[in-house]
């Protein structure tokens, strides 16, 4: 009886996987979505690791909300002035990068309360989003939902090319400045003393973060992009014993959740973004449980 259940489960899994992979080769949008998802799975935790180590986790949420204001402004602009081929997402990139400069300015103004810069910019972004949604008539609920929760299947060939080009640029920057970034993450004072231009590097990293957020806002949405960057890293920190190890582990967790989320959402007709995040949460819960058991076992051994 047990073997029959196991065989049945394997057959079901085989059918689900074959259906999913067949769809990838049959439909271009599925292939584009999968490639974009794999790139997200690498970039999000890669940048997220830097953000978490530098204790700036809240900045991802801030920039995603400010990027949303840009997209909403882009929609308002396209309704006001008809521009052929204009993509509102471009304004999301502009606003997201502008948000980094605004955060830096506010951090300089509130030197003893630097964390205040993020809720101020986030509030500004949310207010602008609401205003432009209100001013842009005939924005349907489907469009608003896709902005909030993403629609990974909406990735076009043009979007994919842009994502690939920016991803390559980001990888080059990260790998050529890896030692400087690690030094900055763990000891800002030492980084400054050793000749690293801390302000320029900080700004560069924040602009990269802004680009990643604005590029992938269509894929996982405003409410979920920060989760995709932070949660795999939060799980990897409990496993990794070095910065590089943490980055690699977080990418593995991220890719697993993305691919599994794709397969589950495709076969159940659920929104992909929330499914991916829930799998990430499940991974985090499992890692935390294992870590807790190991800690108790270690304490017992010491006694």
C-alpha atoms as a PDB file:
ATOM      1  CA  UNK A   1       0.000   0.000   0.000  1.00  0.00           C
ATOM      2  CA  UNK A   2       2.810   2.412   0.932  1.00  0.00           C
ATOM      3  CA  UNK A   3       4.691   1.597  -2.281  1.00  0.00           C
ATOM      4  CA  UNK A   4       1.526   2.216  -4.317  1.00  0.00           C
ATOM      5  CA  UNK A   5       1.159   5.675  -2.724  1.00  0.00           C
ATOM      6  CA  UNK A   6       4.835   6.468  -3.418  1.00  0.00           C
ATOM      7  CA  UNK A   7       4.514   5.347  -7.066  1.00  0.00           C
ATOM      8  CA  UNK A   8       1.317   7.401  -7.461  1.00  0.00           C
ATOM      9  CA  UNK A   9       3.007  10.497  -5.986  1.00  0.00           C
ATOM     10  CA  UNK A  10       5.957  10.071  -8.340  1.00  0.00           C
ATOM     11  CA  UNK A  11       3.634   9.760 -11.342  1.00  0.00           C
ATOM     12  CA  UNK A  12       1.778  12.937 -10.309  1.00  0.00           C
ATOM     13  CA  UNK A  13       5.063  14.828  -9.870  1.00  0.00           C
ATOM     14  CA  UNK A  14       6.279  13.574 -13.247  1.00  0.00           C
ATOM     15  CA  UNK A  15       3.069  14.786 -14.913  1.00  0.00           C
ATOM     16  CA  UNK A  16       3.293  18.214 -13.223  1.00  0.00           C
ATOM     17  CA  UNK A  17       6.949  18.693 -14.176  1.00  0.00           C
ATOM     18  CA  UNK A  18       6.481  17.469 -17.753  1.00  0.00           C
ATOM     19  CA  UNK A  19       3.495  19.817 -18.166  1.00  0.00           C
ATOM     20  CA  UNK A  20       5.521  22.783 -16.861  1.00  0.00           C
ATOM     21  CA  UNK A  21       8.646  22.125 -18.939  1.00  0.00           C
ATOM     22  CA  UNK A  22       6.565  21.418 -22.045  1.00  0.00           C
ATOM     23  CA  UNK A  23       4.920  24.841 -21.620  1.00  0.00           C
ATOM     24  CA  UNK A  24       8.376  26.500 -21.439  1.00  0.00           C
ATOM     25  CA  UNK A  25       9.280  25.193 -24.902  1.00  0.00           C
ATOM     26  CA  UNK A  26       5.826  25.848 -26.352  1.00  0.00           C
ATOM     27  CA  UNK A  27       5.243  29.429 -25.157  1.00  0.00           C
ATOM     28  CA  UNK A  28       7.771  32.262 -25.439  1.00  0.00           C
ATOM     29  CA  UNK A  29       6.314  34.171 -22.477  1.00  0.00           C
ATOM     30  CA  UNK A  30       6.952  31.152 -20.224  1.00  0.00           C
ATOM     31  CA  UNK A  31      10.582  30.970 -21.330  1.00  0.00           C
ATOM     32  CA  UNK A  32      11.070  34.744 -20.846  1.00  0.00           C
ATOM     33  CA  UNK A  33       9.492  34.522 -17.387  1.00  0.00           C
ATOM     34  CA  UNK A  34      11.718  31.602 -16.366  1.00  0.00           C
ATOM     35  CA  UNK A  35      14.946  33.317 -17.542  1.00  0.00           C
ATOM     36  CA  UNK A  36      13.925  36.580 -15.819  1.00  0.00           C
ATOM     37  CA  UNK A  37      13.106  34.583 -12.672  1.00  0.00           C
ATOM     38  CA  UNK A  38      16.517  32.870 -12.647  1.00  0.00           C
ATOM     39  CA  UNK A  39      18.242  36.264 -12.974  1.00  0.00           C
ATOM     40  CA  UNK A  40      16.096  37.647 -10.118  1.00  0.00           C
ATOM     41  CA  UNK A  41      17.037  34.594  -8.050  1.00  0.00           C
ATOM     42  CA  UNK A  42      20.716  35.522  -8.361  1.00  0.00           C
ATOM     43  CA  UNK A  43      20.595  39.321  -8.222  1.00  0.00           C
ATOM     44  CA  UNK A  44      18.059  39.764  -5.399  1.00  0.00           C
ATOM     45  CA  UNK A  45      19.973  37.820  -2.688  1.00  0.00           C
ATOM     46  CA  UNK A  46      23.334  39.046  -4.036  1.00  0.00           C
ATOM     47  CA  UNK A  47      22.341  42.682  -3.437  1.00  0.00           C
ATOM     48  CA  UNK A  48      20.245  41.669  -0.423  1.00  0.00           C
ATOM     49  CA  UNK A  49      23.335  40.234   1.312  1.00  0.00           C
ATOM     50  CA  UNK A  50      25.054  43.621   1.143  1.00  0.00           C
ATOM     51  CA  UNK A  51      21.904  45.378   2.372  1.00  0.00           C
ATOM     52  CA  UNK A  52      21.422  42.980   5.316  1.00  0.00           C
ATOM     53  CA  UNK A  53      25.082  42.984   6.424  1.00  0.00           C
ATOM     54  CA  UNK A  54      25.059  46.805   6.346  1.00  0.00           C
ATOM     55  CA  UNK A  55      21.815  46.773   8.405  1.00  0.00           C
ATOM     56  CA  UNK A  56      19.868  48.644   5.732  1.00  0.00           C
ATOM     57  CA  UNK A  57      17.097  46.077   5.155  1.00  0.00           C
ATOM     58  CA  UNK A  58      14.403  48.761   5.253  1.00  0.00           C
ATOM     59  CA  UNK A  59      15.944  50.613   2.281  1.00  0.00           C
ATOM     60  CA  UNK A  60      14.681  47.962  -0.175  1.00  0.00           C
ATOM     61  CA  UNK A  61      11.081  48.562   0.914  1.00  0.00           C
ATOM     62  CA  UNK A  62      11.602  52.327   0.758  1.00  0.00           C
ATOM     63  CA  UNK A  63      12.944  52.314  -2.795  1.00  0.00           C
ATOM     64  CA  UNK A  64      10.298  49.861  -4.017  1.00  0.00           C
ATOM     65  CA  UNK A  65       7.539  52.213  -2.801  1.00  0.00           C
ATOM     66  CA  UNK A  66       9.279  55.210  -4.363  1.00  0.00           C
ATOM     67  CA  UNK A  67       9.684  53.239  -7.605  1.00  0.00           C
ATOM     68  CA  UNK A  68       5.929  52.548  -7.518  1.00  0.00           C
ATOM     69  CA  UNK A  69       5.362  56.317  -7.442  1.00  0.00           C
ATOM     70  CA  UNK A  70       7.470  56.554 -10.599  1.00  0.00           C
ATOM     71  CA  UNK A  71       5.451  53.891 -12.418  1.00  0.00           C
ATOM     72  CA  UNK A  72       2.187  55.602 -11.396  1.00  0.00           C
ATOM     73  CA  UNK A  73       3.591  58.930 -12.603  1.00  0.00           C
ATOM     74  CA  UNK A  74       4.539  57.223 -15.880  1.00  0.00           C
ATOM     75  CA  UNK A  75       0.943  56.018 -16.308  1.00  0.00           C
ATOM     76  CA  UNK A  76      -0.351  59.532 -15.528  1.00  0.00           C
ATOM     77  CA  UNK A  77       2.121  61.010 -18.033  1.00  0.00           C
ATOM     78  CA  UNK A  78       1.109  58.537 -20.771  1.00  0.00           C
ATOM     79  CA  UNK A  79      -2.558  59.498 -20.261  1.00  0.00           C
ATOM     80  CA  UNK A  80      -1.714  63.201 -20.307  1.00  0.00           C
ATOM     81  CA  UNK A  81       0.672  63.149 -23.282  1.00  0.00           C
ATOM     82  CA  UNK A  82       0.501  60.392 -25.886  1.00  0.00           C
ATOM     83  CA  UNK A  83       4.069  59.147 -26.418  1.00  0.00           C
ATOM     84  CA  UNK A  84       4.434  56.213 -28.793  1.00  0.00           C
ATOM     85  CA  UNK A  85       6.279  53.269 -27.239  1.00  0.00           C
ATOM     86  CA  UNK A  86       6.559  54.923 -23.813  1.00  0.00           C
ATOM     87  CA  UNK A  87       6.876  52.420 -20.959  1.00  0.00           C
ATOM     88  CA  UNK A  88       5.752  53.713 -17.516  1.00  0.00           C
ATOM     89  CA  UNK A  89       8.288  51.345 -15.920  1.00  0.00           C
ATOM     90  CA  UNK A  90      11.068  53.666 -17.151  1.00  0.00           C
ATOM     91  CA  UNK A  91       9.794  56.329 -14.763  1.00  0.00           C
ATOM     92  CA  UNK A  92      10.009  53.706 -12.022  1.00  0.00           C
ATOM     93  CA  UNK A  93      13.763  53.435 -12.684  1.00  0.00           C
ATOM     94  CA  UNK A  94      14.128  57.258 -12.690  1.00  0.00           C
ATOM     95  CA  UNK A  95      12.206  57.613  -9.403  1.00  0.00           C
ATOM     96  CA  UNK A  96      14.040  54.704  -7.770  1.00  0.00           C
ATOM     97  CA  UNK A  97      17.464  56.195  -8.546  1.00  0.00           C
ATOM     98  CA  UNK A  98      16.212  59.665  -7.503  1.00  0.00           C
ATOM     99  CA  UNK A  99      15.074  58.087  -4.233  1.00  0.00           C
ATOM    100  CA  UNK A 100      18.657  56.976  -3.500  1.00  0.00           C
ATOM    101  CA  UNK A 101      19.911  60.571  -3.775  1.00  0.00           C
ATOM    102  CA  UNK A 102      17.029  61.788  -1.625  1.00  0.00           C
ATOM    103  CA  UNK A 103      17.834  59.183   1.064  1.00  0.00           C
ATOM    104  CA  UNK A 104      21.507  60.173   1.035  1.00  0.00           C
ATOM    105  CA  UNK A 105      20.605  63.879   1.370  1.00  0.00           C
ATOM    106  CA  UNK A 106      18.294  63.183   4.323  1.00  0.00           C
ATOM    107  CA  UNK A 107      20.879  60.889   5.957  1.00  0.00           C
ATOM    108  CA  UNK A 108      23.353  63.794   5.766  1.00  0.00           C
ATOM    109  CA  UNK A 109      20.797  66.202   7.229  1.00  0.00           C
ATOM    110  CA  UNK A 110      19.808  63.893  10.126  1.00  0.00           C
ATOM    111  CA  UNK A 111      23.341  62.795  11.067  1.00  0.00           C
ATOM    112  CA  UNK A 112      22.321  61.387  14.455  1.00  0.00           C
ATOM    113  CA  UNK A 113      19.024  59.902  13.208  1.00  0.00           C
ATOM    114  CA  UNK A 114      19.946  58.557   9.764  1.00  0.00           C
ATOM    115  CA  UNK A 115      17.217  55.881   9.822  1.00  0.00           C
ATOM    116  CA  UNK A 116      14.593  58.670   9.635  1.00  0.00           C
ATOM    117  CA  UNK A 117      15.441  59.165   5.946  1.00  0.00           C
ATOM    118  CA  UNK A 118      13.773  55.897   4.900  1.00  0.00           C
ATOM    119  CA  UNK A 119      10.269  56.291   6.417  1.00  0.00           C
ATOM    120  CA  UNK A 120      10.212  59.891   5.123  1.00  0.00           C
ATOM    121  CA  UNK A 121      11.030  58.817   1.533  1.00  0.00           C
ATOM    122  CA  UNK A 122       8.664  55.827   1.758  1.00  0.00           C
ATOM    123  CA  UNK A 123       5.796  58.052   2.958  1.00  0.00           C
ATOM    124  CA  UNK A 124       6.549  60.476   0.125  1.00  0.00           C
ATOM    125  CA  UNK A 125       6.467  57.601  -2.393  1.00  0.00           C
ATOM    126  CA  UNK A 126       3.188  56.173  -1.086  1.00  0.00           C
ATOM    127  CA  UNK A 127       1.562  59.633  -1.132  1.00  0.00           C
ATOM    128  CA  UNK A 128       2.714  60.279  -4.717  1.00  0.00           C
ATOM    129  CA  UNK A 129       1.509  56.825  -5.807  1.00  0.00           C
ATOM    130  CA  UNK A 130      -1.957  57.473  -4.398  1.00  0.00           C
ATOM    131  CA  UNK A 131      -2.071  60.916  -6.014  1.00  0.00           C
ATOM    132  CA  UNK A 132      -1.065  59.742  -9.508  1.00  0.00           C
ATOM    133  CA  UNK A 133      -3.397  56.704  -9.371  1.00  0.00           C
ATOM    134  CA  UNK A 134      -6.193  59.129  -8.507  1.00  0.00           C
ATOM    135  CA  UNK A 135      -5.238  61.529 -11.310  1.00  0.00           C
ATOM    136  CA  UNK A 136      -4.892  58.747 -13.893  1.00  0.00           C
ATOM    137  CA  UNK A 137      -8.444  57.852 -14.862  1.00  0.00           C
ATOM    138  CA  UNK A 138      -9.402  54.326 -15.928  1.00  0.00           C
ATOM    139  CA  UNK A 139      -6.568  52.479 -14.151  1.00  0.00           C
ATOM    140  CA  UNK A 140      -8.090  49.041 -13.702  1.00  0.00           C
ATOM    141  CA  UNK A 141      -7.762  46.854 -10.621  1.00  0.00           C
ATOM    142  CA  UNK A 142      -5.751  44.264 -12.596  1.00  0.00           C
ATOM    143  CA  UNK A 143      -2.995  46.799 -13.341  1.00  0.00           C
ATOM    144  CA  UNK A 144      -2.846  47.936  -9.691  1.00  0.00           C
ATOM    145  CA  UNK A 145      -2.716  44.311  -8.470  1.00  0.00           C
ATOM    146  CA  UNK A 146       0.141  43.495 -10.879  1.00  0.00           C
ATOM    147  CA  UNK A 147       2.070  46.508  -9.529  1.00  0.00           C
ATOM    148  CA  UNK A 148       1.580  45.366  -5.937  1.00  0.00           C
ATOM    149  CA  UNK A 149       2.094  41.608  -6.382  1.00  0.00           C
ATOM    150  CA  UNK A 150       3.820  41.378  -9.762  1.00  0.00           C
ATOM    151  CA  UNK A 151       3.093  39.502 -12.963  1.00  0.00           C
ATOM    152  CA  UNK A 152       6.159  37.555 -14.021  1.00  0.00           C
ATOM    153  CA  UNK A 153       4.469  36.274 -17.186  1.00  0.00           C
ATOM    154  CA  UNK A 154       4.265  39.849 -18.509  1.00  0.00           C
ATOM    155  CA  UNK A 155       8.031  39.909 -19.248  1.00  0.00           C
ATOM    156  CA  UNK A 156       8.542  40.613 -22.957  1.00  0.00           C
ATOM    157  CA  UNK A 157      11.588  39.974 -25.171  1.00  0.00           C
ATOM    158  CA  UNK A 158      12.551  43.678 -24.871  1.00  0.00           C
ATOM    159  CA  UNK A 159      12.205  43.563 -21.061  1.00  0.00           C
ATOM    160  CA  UNK A 160      14.371  40.452 -20.972  1.00  0.00           C
ATOM    161  CA  UNK A 161      17.141  42.072 -23.038  1.00  0.00           C
ATOM    162  CA  UNK A 162      17.143  45.116 -20.699  1.00  0.00           C
ATOM    163  CA  UNK A 163      17.236  42.825 -17.649  1.00  0.00           C
ATOM    164  CA  UNK A 164      20.140  40.801 -19.118  1.00  0.00           C
ATOM    165  CA  UNK A 165      22.186  43.911 -20.009  1.00  0.00           C
ATOM    166  CA  UNK A 166      21.716  45.523 -16.577  1.00  0.00           C
ATOM    167  CA  UNK A 167      22.381  42.181 -14.851  1.00  0.00           C
ATOM    168  CA  UNK A 168      25.723  41.844 -16.700  1.00  0.00           C
ATOM    169  CA  UNK A 169      26.694  45.423 -15.718  1.00  0.00           C
ATOM    170  CA  UNK A 170      25.800  44.743 -12.066  1.00  0.00           C
ATOM    171  CA  UNK A 171      27.796  41.467 -12.040  1.00  0.00           C
ATOM    172  CA  UNK A 172      30.853  43.264 -13.473  1.00  0.00           C
ATOM    173  CA  UNK A 173      30.605  46.026 -10.842  1.00  0.00           C
ATOM    174  CA  UNK A 174      30.137  43.522  -7.986  1.00  0.00           C
ATOM    175  CA  UNK A 175      33.000  41.227  -9.019  1.00  0.00           C
ATOM    176  CA  UNK A 176      35.490  44.028  -9.772  1.00  0.00           C
ATOM    177  CA  UNK A 177      34.729  45.784  -6.469  1.00  0.00           C
ATOM    178  CA  UNK A 178      34.125  42.667  -4.330  1.00  0.00           C
ATOM    179  CA  UNK A 179      36.927  43.285  -1.786  1.00  0.00           C
ATOM    180  CA  UNK A 180      35.960  46.939  -1.371  1.00  0.00           C
ATOM    181  CA  UNK A 181      32.285  46.012  -0.864  1.00  0.00           C
ATOM    182  CA  UNK A 182      33.120  43.375   1.773  1.00  0.00           C
ATOM    183  CA  UNK A 183      35.381  45.849   3.616  1.00  0.00           C
ATOM    184  CA  UNK A 184      32.649  48.506   3.538  1.00  0.00           C
ATOM    185  CA  UNK A 185      30.027  46.040   4.792  1.00  0.00           C
ATOM    186  CA  UNK A 186      31.983  44.958   7.864  1.00  0.00           C
ATOM    187  CA  UNK A 187      34.030  48.035   8.799  1.00  0.00           C
ATOM    188  CA  UNK A 188      33.161  51.414   7.268  1.00  0.00           C
ATOM    189  CA  UNK A 189      35.884  53.216   9.273  1.00  0.00           C
ATOM    190  CA  UNK A 190      38.614  50.811   8.123  1.00  0.00           C
ATOM    191  CA  UNK A 191      37.333  51.138   4.538  1.00  0.00           C
ATOM    192  CA  UNK A 192      37.747  54.935   4.702  1.00  0.00           C
ATOM    193  CA  UNK A 193      41.219  54.660   6.285  1.00  0.00           C
ATOM    194  CA  UNK A 194      42.383  52.118   3.677  1.00  0.00           C
ATOM    195  CA  UNK A 195      41.668  54.609   0.890  1.00  0.00           C
ATOM    196  CA  UNK A 196      38.244  53.444  -0.296  1.00  0.00           C
ATOM    197  CA  UNK A 197      35.945  56.275  -1.368  1.00  0.00           C
ATOM    198  CA  UNK A 198      33.157  55.259   1.030  1.00  0.00           C
ATOM    199  CA  UNK A 199      30.581  57.831  -0.109  1.00  0.00           C
ATOM    200  CA  UNK A 200      30.972  56.983  -3.810  1.00  0.00           C
ATOM    201  CA  UNK A 201      30.828  53.225  -3.141  1.00  0.00           C
ATOM    202  CA  UNK A 202      27.764  53.613  -0.907  1.00  0.00           C
ATOM    203  CA  UNK A 203      26.022  55.642  -3.601  1.00  0.00           C
ATOM    204  CA  UNK A 204      26.978  53.108  -6.290  1.00  0.00           C
ATOM    205  CA  UNK A 205      25.574  50.216  -4.229  1.00  0.00           C
ATOM    206  CA  UNK A 206      22.354  52.121  -3.538  1.00  0.00           C
ATOM    207  CA  UNK A 207      21.934  52.922  -7.260  1.00  0.00           C
ATOM    208  CA  UNK A 208      22.454  49.209  -8.078  1.00  0.00           C
ATOM    209  CA  UNK A 209      19.818  48.372  -5.461  1.00  0.00           C
ATOM    210  CA  UNK A 210      17.470  50.938  -7.034  1.00  0.00           C
ATOM    211  CA  UNK A 211      18.002  49.426 -10.500  1.00  0.00           C
ATOM    212  CA  UNK A 212      17.329  45.886  -9.254  1.00  0.00           C
ATOM    213  CA  UNK A 213      14.136  46.978  -7.499  1.00  0.00           C
ATOM    214  CA  UNK A 214      12.769  49.026 -10.405  1.00  0.00           C
ATOM    215  CA  UNK A 215      13.612  46.289 -12.941  1.00  0.00           C
ATOM    216  CA  UNK A 216      11.940  43.508 -11.003  1.00  0.00           C
ATOM    217  CA  UNK A 217       8.930  45.417  -9.717  1.00  0.00           C
ATOM    218  CA  UNK A 218       6.899  43.984 -12.636  1.00  0.00           C
ATOM    219  CA  UNK A 219       7.966  40.451 -11.765  1.00  0.00           C
ATOM    220  CA  UNK A 220       7.244  40.160  -8.033  1.00  0.00           C
ATOM    221  CA  UNK A 221       5.575  43.490  -7.223  1.00  0.00           C
ATOM    222  CA  UNK A 222       6.202  46.368  -4.829  1.00  0.00           C
ATOM    223  CA  UNK A 223       5.051  44.478  -1.743  1.00  0.00           C
ATOM    224  CA  UNK A 224       7.222  41.417  -2.394  1.00  0.00           C
ATOM    225  CA  UNK A 225      10.519  42.598  -3.950  1.00  0.00           C
ATOM    226  CA  UNK A 226      12.070  43.451  -0.560  1.00  0.00           C
ATOM    227  CA  UNK A 227      11.020  40.023   0.782  1.00  0.00           C
ATOM    228  CA  UNK A 228      12.769  38.292  -2.124  1.00  0.00           C
ATOM    229  CA  UNK A 229      15.959  40.197  -1.306  1.00  0.00           C
ATOM    230  CA  UNK A 230      15.915  39.797   2.477  1.00  0.00           C
ATOM    231  CA  UNK A 231      14.328  36.423   3.400  1.00  0.00           C
ATOM    232  CA  UNK A 232      16.786  34.103   1.553  1.00  0.00           C
ATOM    233  CA  UNK A 233      19.660  36.061   3.148  1.00  0.00           C
ATOM    234  CA  UNK A 234      18.011  35.794   6.584  1.00  0.00           C
ATOM    235  CA  UNK A 235      17.952  31.993   6.153  1.00  0.00           C
ATOM    236  CA  UNK A 236      21.498  31.846   4.715  1.00  0.00           C
ATOM    237  CA  UNK A 237      22.983  33.821   7.647  1.00  0.00           C
ATOM    238  CA  UNK A 238      22.001  30.921   9.946  1.00  0.00           C
ATOM    239  CA  UNK A 239      23.877  28.471   7.704  1.00  0.00           C
ATOM    240  CA  UNK A 240      26.814  30.376   6.166  1.00  0.00           C
ATOM    241  CA  UNK A 241      30.076  30.826   8.065  1.00  0.00           C
ATOM    242  CA  UNK A 242      31.452  33.605   5.804  1.00  0.00           C
ATOM    243  CA  UNK A 243      30.183  36.436   3.612  1.00  0.00           C
ATOM    244  CA  UNK A 244      30.784  34.501   0.373  1.00  0.00           C
ATOM    245  CA  UNK A 245      29.221  31.351   1.827  1.00  0.00           C
ATOM    246  CA  UNK A 246      26.164  33.345   2.922  1.00  0.00           C
ATOM    247  CA  UNK A 247      25.779  34.882  -0.561  1.00  0.00           C
ATOM    248  CA  UNK A 248      26.029  31.488  -2.321  1.00  0.00           C
ATOM    249  CA  UNK A 249      23.602  29.815   0.124  1.00  0.00           C
ATOM    250  CA  UNK A 250      21.084  32.655  -0.198  1.00  0.00           C
ATOM    251  CA  UNK A 251      21.204  32.342  -4.015  1.00  0.00           C
ATOM    252  CA  UNK A 252      20.578  28.565  -3.746  1.00  0.00           C
ATOM    253  CA  UNK A 253      17.577  29.171  -1.442  1.00  0.00           C
ATOM    254  CA  UNK A 254      16.307  31.921  -3.736  1.00  0.00           C
ATOM    255  CA  UNK A 255      16.586  29.833  -6.920  1.00  0.00           C
ATOM    256  CA  UNK A 256      14.911  26.848  -5.275  1.00  0.00           C
ATOM    257  CA  UNK A 257      11.966  28.972  -4.110  1.00  0.00           C
ATOM    258  CA  UNK A 258      11.653  30.629  -7.540  1.00  0.00           C
ATOM    259  CA  UNK A 259      11.660  27.393  -9.539  1.00  0.00           C
ATOM    260  CA  UNK A 260       9.369  25.610  -7.074  1.00  0.00           C
ATOM    261  CA  UNK A 261       7.074  28.659  -6.965  1.00  0.00           C
ATOM    262  CA  UNK A 262       6.928  28.685 -10.762  1.00  0.00           C
ATOM    263  CA  UNK A 263       5.910  25.040 -10.969  1.00  0.00           C
ATOM    264  CA  UNK A 264       3.324  25.267  -8.162  1.00  0.00           C
ATOM    265  CA  UNK A 265       1.756  28.525  -9.391  1.00  0.00           C
ATOM    266  CA  UNK A 266       1.612  27.294 -13.004  1.00  0.00           C
ATOM    267  CA  UNK A 267      -0.202  24.083 -12.053  1.00  0.00           C
ATOM    268  CA  UNK A 268      -2.541  25.681  -9.485  1.00  0.00           C
ATOM    269  CA  UNK A 269      -3.225  28.954 -11.360  1.00  0.00           C
ATOM    270  CA  UNK A 270      -2.039  31.042  -8.391  1.00  0.00           C
ATOM    271  CA  UNK A 271      -0.120  34.342  -8.529  1.00  0.00           C
ATOM    272  CA  UNK A 272       3.580  33.452  -8.774  1.00  0.00           C
ATOM    273  CA  UNK A 273       5.076  36.206  -6.558  1.00  0.00           C
ATOM    274  CA  UNK A 274       3.240  35.367  -3.302  1.00  0.00           C
ATOM    275  CA  UNK A 275       3.862  31.609  -3.802  1.00  0.00           C
ATOM    276  CA  UNK A 276       7.620  32.237  -4.167  1.00  0.00           C
ATOM    277  CA  UNK A 277       7.719  34.359  -0.997  1.00  0.00           C
ATOM    278  CA  UNK A 278       5.731  31.751   0.987  1.00  0.00           C
ATOM    279  CA  UNK A 279       8.251  29.070  -0.068  1.00  0.00           C
ATOM    280  CA  UNK A 280      11.055  31.396   1.072  1.00  0.00           C
ATOM    281  CA  UNK A 281       9.295  31.772   4.442  1.00  0.00           C
ATOM    282  CA  UNK A 282       8.972  27.982   4.674  1.00  0.00           C
ATOM    283  CA  UNK A 283      12.715  27.573   3.970  1.00  0.00           C
ATOM    284  CA  UNK A 284      13.496  30.166   6.654  1.00  0.00           C
ATOM    285  CA  UNK A 285      11.241  28.360   9.165  1.00  0.00           C
ATOM    286  CA  UNK A 286      12.933  25.006   8.423  1.00  0.00           C
ATOM    287  CA  UNK A 287      16.453  26.498   8.721  1.00  0.00           C
ATOM    288  CA  UNK A 288      15.501  28.228  11.988  1.00  0.00           C
ATOM    289  CA  UNK A 289      14.108  24.953  13.380  1.00  0.00           C
ATOM    290  CA  UNK A 290      17.248  22.998  12.414  1.00  0.00           C
ATOM    291  CA  UNK A 291      19.445  25.760  13.850  1.00  0.00           C
ATOM    292  CA  UNK A 292      17.504  25.671  17.124  1.00  0.00           C
ATOM    293  CA  UNK A 293      17.778  21.860  17.390  1.00  0.00           C
ATOM    294  CA  UNK A 294      21.549  22.036  16.699  1.00  0.00           C
ATOM    295  CA  UNK A 295      21.956  24.754  19.333  1.00  0.00           C
ATOM    296  CA  UNK A 296      20.121  22.653  21.959  1.00  0.00           C
ATOM    297  CA  UNK A 297      22.170  19.565  21.014  1.00  0.00           C
ATOM    298  CA  UNK A 298      25.396  21.578  21.355  1.00  0.00           C
ATOM    299  CA  UNK A 299      24.340  22.860  24.811  1.00  0.00           C
ATOM    300  CA  UNK A 300      23.476  19.316  25.924  1.00  0.00           C
ATOM    301  CA  UNK A 301      26.927  18.105  24.840  1.00  0.00           C
ATOM    302  CA  UNK A 302      28.635  20.867  26.843  1.00  0.00           C
ATOM    303  CA  UNK A 303      26.714  19.861  29.967  1.00  0.00           C
END
